């Protein structure tokens, strides 16, 4: 299997497949932690912690994979509404390192480069890299993002310091802010106590 891209989706699928004994190579321009802010529901963070940390995820204290925000609100022009579900901001460096560790422990490999094209061959799918190298696998997973027909992130997280004037609840997250008249919804976070 060839995985094109080393973002959260690419590394997650590659690590999961390598853990199951599949032969996997990840092709990406670099393998450094992601600069984007990623989050998920806090109750889902427990399952991710168990998958990446095993029994060590059951120790006392918050999981090291992310920071939890017990109050999550959505804001519209009508006001703020607590949606009743806690949110979490991932610690990218920790998650990235654990996924790479699982990939390598399962025998997976990494290759610096970029996939330029994919075609079917009698031996399987063939990924052609920009340097002309070809890699053949039973399947090529395109997790590069940004290409035709791919999903695009339309909201993003921001950590904001300073007084937010009650915009974000104490120790909480502002998940979506539809009250701000901008073309894209902004997620804001208070660095010390709050996030979104």
Protein backbone atom coordinates (compact mmCIF):
# COMPACT_ATOMS: atom_id res chain seq x y z
CA UNK A 1 0.00 0.00 0.00
CA UNK A 2 1.19 3.48 -0.87
CA UNK A 3 -0.20 6.44 1.09
CA UNK A 4 0.26 9.83 -0.56
CA UNK A 5 0.30 12.48 2.17
CA UNK A 6 1.31 12.57 5.83
CA UNK A 7 -1.43 14.70 7.35
CA UNK A 8 -3.67 13.31 10.10
CA UNK A 9 -5.70 11.24 7.60
CA UNK A 10 -2.71 9.84 5.74
CA UNK A 11 -0.69 8.97 8.84
CA UNK A 12 -3.73 7.49 10.59
CA UNK A 13 -4.60 5.12 7.76
CA UNK A 14 -0.94 4.20 7.23
CA UNK A 15 -0.34 3.48 10.94
CA UNK A 16 -3.56 1.44 11.24
CA UNK A 17 -2.69 -0.65 8.18
CA UNK A 18 0.92 -1.20 9.29
CA UNK A 19 -0.34 -2.28 12.73
CA UNK A 20 -2.44 -4.94 10.97
CA UNK A 21 0.65 -6.26 9.19
CA UNK A 22 0.16 -4.65 5.78
CA UNK A 23 3.16 -3.39 3.83
CA UNK A 24 2.88 0.42 3.81
CA UNK A 25 4.96 3.30 2.51
CA UNK A 26 4.01 6.93 3.15
CA UNK A 27 5.12 9.48 0.56
CA UNK A 28 5.18 13.11 1.69
CA UNK A 29 7.32 16.22 1.12
CA UNK A 30 8.14 16.29 4.86
CA UNK A 31 7.28 14.46 8.07
CA UNK A 32 7.14 17.27 10.61
CA UNK A 33 4.15 17.84 12.92
CA UNK A 34 1.21 19.66 11.35
CA UNK A 35 0.94 23.41 11.80
CA UNK A 36 -2.88 23.48 11.55
CA UNK A 37 -4.99 23.26 14.69
CA UNK A 38 -6.96 20.02 14.87
CA UNK A 39 -9.73 19.17 17.27
CA UNK A 40 -12.36 16.56 18.00
CA UNK A 41 -15.09 15.79 20.49
CA UNK A 42 -13.55 15.08 23.89
CA UNK A 43 -15.40 11.77 24.31
CA UNK A 44 -13.88 10.57 21.02
CA UNK A 45 -10.43 11.51 22.31
CA UNK A 46 -10.65 8.59 24.77
CA UNK A 47 -10.93 6.07 21.91
CA UNK A 48 -8.05 7.71 20.05
CA UNK A 49 -5.97 7.67 23.24
CA UNK A 50 -6.62 3.97 23.72
CA UNK A 51 -5.78 3.22 20.08
CA UNK A 52 -2.49 5.14 20.22
CA UNK A 53 -1.44 4.55 23.83
CA UNK A 54 -3.02 1.21 24.74
CA UNK A 55 -3.30 0.56 28.47
CA UNK A 56 -1.24 3.63 29.34
CA UNK A 57 -4.25 5.75 28.23
CA UNK A 58 -6.12 4.61 31.36
CA UNK A 59 -3.80 6.37 33.81
CA UNK A 60 -5.07 9.20 36.01
CA UNK A 61 -5.09 12.68 34.59
CA UNK A 62 -5.97 14.04 31.16
CA UNK A 63 -4.71 12.11 28.13
CA UNK A 64 -1.57 13.69 26.69
CA UNK A 65 -3.05 13.69 23.17
CA UNK A 66 -5.09 16.83 23.62
CA UNK A 67 -6.49 19.50 25.84
CA UNK A 68 -10.14 19.21 26.85
CA UNK A 69 -12.61 22.08 27.04
CA UNK A 70 -15.70 21.05 29.04
CA UNK A 71 -18.04 23.77 27.70
CA UNK A 72 -18.61 24.09 23.95
CA UNK A 73 -20.77 26.83 22.50
CA UNK A 74 -22.02 27.86 19.08
CA UNK A 75 -22.64 31.57 18.54
CA UNK A 76 -25.15 33.10 16.14
CA UNK A 77 -26.69 36.54 15.85
CA UNK A 78 -29.35 35.27 18.32
CA UNK A 79 -26.71 34.57 21.00
CA UNK A 80 -24.62 31.67 22.30
CA UNK A 81 -25.88 28.12 22.78
CA UNK A 82 -24.09 25.48 24.87
CA UNK A 83 -24.23 22.30 22.79
CA UNK A 84 -23.64 20.05 25.80
CA UNK A 85 -20.59 18.22 24.51
CA UNK A 86 -16.97 18.81 25.49
CA UNK A 87 -14.35 19.57 22.85
CA UNK A 88 -10.62 18.84 22.65
CA UNK A 89 -7.69 20.43 20.81
CA UNK A 90 -5.09 17.87 19.73
CA UNK A 91 -1.46 18.20 20.67
CA UNK A 92 -0.19 17.76 17.12
CA UNK A 93 3.39 16.94 18.04
CA UNK A 94 2.31 14.09 20.34
CA UNK A 95 -0.28 12.61 17.95
CA UNK A 96 2.10 12.94 14.99
CA UNK A 97 4.91 11.20 16.89
CA UNK A 98 2.67 8.36 18.06
CA UNK A 99 1.30 7.72 14.56
CA UNK A 100 4.81 7.69 13.08
CA UNK A 101 5.88 5.33 15.86
CA UNK A 102 3.02 2.93 15.09
CA UNK A 103 3.77 3.08 11.39
CA UNK A 104 7.44 2.22 11.93
CA UNK A 105 6.74 -0.40 14.62
CA UNK A 106 4.44 -2.16 12.15
CA UNK A 107 7.19 -2.22 9.52
CA UNK A 108 5.90 0.77 7.54
CA UNK A 109 8.26 3.07 5.72
CA UNK A 110 8.38 6.73 4.75
CA UNK A 111 9.65 8.33 1.59
CA UNK A 112 10.36 12.02 1.05
CA UNK A 113 8.72 13.22 -2.14
CA UNK A 114 5.41 14.00 -3.81
CA UNK A 115 3.07 11.78 -5.81
CA UNK A 116 2.46 13.31 -9.25
CA UNK A 117 0.18 10.64 -10.75
CA UNK A 118 -1.43 7.26 -10.09
CA UNK A 119 -2.32 4.64 -12.68
CA UNK A 120 -3.47 1.03 -12.73
CA UNK A 121 -0.98 -1.63 -13.72
CA UNK A 122 -1.39 -5.45 -13.88
CA UNK A 123 0.73 -5.64 -10.69
CA UNK A 124 -1.46 -3.12 -8.82
CA UNK A 125 -1.71 0.63 -8.59
CA UNK A 126 1.42 2.60 -9.44
CA UNK A 127 2.27 5.94 -7.86
CA UNK A 128 4.67 8.05 -9.91
CA UNK A 129 6.62 10.56 -7.84
CA UNK A 130 7.65 13.99 -9.14
CA UNK A 131 11.27 12.75 -9.39
CA UNK A 132 10.16 9.92 -11.74
CA UNK A 133 10.38 7.13 -9.16
CA UNK A 134 7.49 4.66 -9.21
CA UNK A 135 6.03 2.76 -6.26
CA UNK A 136 3.58 -0.12 -6.78
CA UNK A 137 1.03 -1.21 -4.21
CA UNK A 138 -2.23 -3.11 -4.05
CA UNK A 139 -3.82 0.27 -3.48
CA UNK A 140 -2.73 3.90 -3.43
CA UNK A 141 -4.50 6.08 -0.86
CA UNK A 142 -4.53 9.73 -1.90
CA UNK A 143 -4.50 11.72 1.34
CA UNK A 144 -2.79 14.80 -0.07
CA UNK A 145 -5.83 17.05 0.05
CA UNK A 146 -6.37 20.06 -2.15
CA UNK A 147 -6.72 18.24 -5.46
CA UNK A 148 -9.77 18.12 -7.72
CA UNK A 149 -12.72 16.49 -6.00
CA UNK A 150 -11.01 16.43 -2.60
CA UNK A 151 -12.35 17.81 0.64
CA UNK A 152 -11.17 21.22 1.78
CA UNK A 153 -11.07 22.50 5.33
CA UNK A 154 -13.50 25.41 5.59
CA UNK A 155 -13.17 26.16 9.30
CA UNK A 156 -10.06 26.27 11.39
CA UNK A 157 -8.99 26.68 14.98
CA UNK A 158 -7.18 29.66 16.40
CA UNK A 159 -5.65 30.15 19.81
CA UNK A 160 -6.13 33.73 20.90
CA UNK A 161 -4.59 35.33 23.96
CA UNK A 162 -5.97 38.21 25.95
CA UNK A 163 -9.41 39.28 27.08
CA UNK A 164 -12.12 38.10 24.70
CA UNK A 165 -14.88 40.03 26.42
CA UNK A 166 -16.99 36.98 27.24
CA UNK A 167 -16.92 35.65 23.67
CA UNK A 168 -15.56 32.28 24.84
CA UNK A 169 -16.78 30.71 28.10
CA UNK A 170 -14.24 30.12 30.87
CA UNK A 171 -12.40 26.82 30.16
CA UNK A 172 -14.58 26.46 27.08
CA UNK A 173 -14.53 26.36 23.31
CA UNK A 174 -16.36 28.46 20.78
CA UNK A 175 -16.96 25.82 18.11
CA UNK A 176 -18.60 27.92 15.44
CA UNK A 177 -19.22 31.64 15.25
CA UNK A 178 -21.89 32.47 12.70
CA UNK A 179 -22.41 35.93 14.17
CA UNK A 180 -19.26 37.29 12.54
CA UNK A 181 -19.93 38.50 8.97
CA UNK A 182 -16.97 36.92 7.18
CA UNK A 183 -16.73 34.56 4.24
CA UNK A 184 -15.38 31.73 6.39
CA UNK A 185 -16.31 30.83 9.94
CA UNK A 186 -13.50 31.52 12.39
CA UNK A 187 -12.81 29.44 15.46
CA UNK A 188 -11.32 31.35 18.34
CA UNK A 189 -9.57 30.22 21.48
CA UNK A 190 -8.39 31.74 24.69
CA UNK A 191 -4.90 30.33 25.15
CA UNK A 192 -5.03 30.03 28.92
CA UNK A 193 -8.51 28.58 29.46
CA UNK A 194 -10.54 28.35 26.29
CA UNK A 195 -10.38 27.14 22.74
CA UNK A 196 -12.09 26.89 19.50
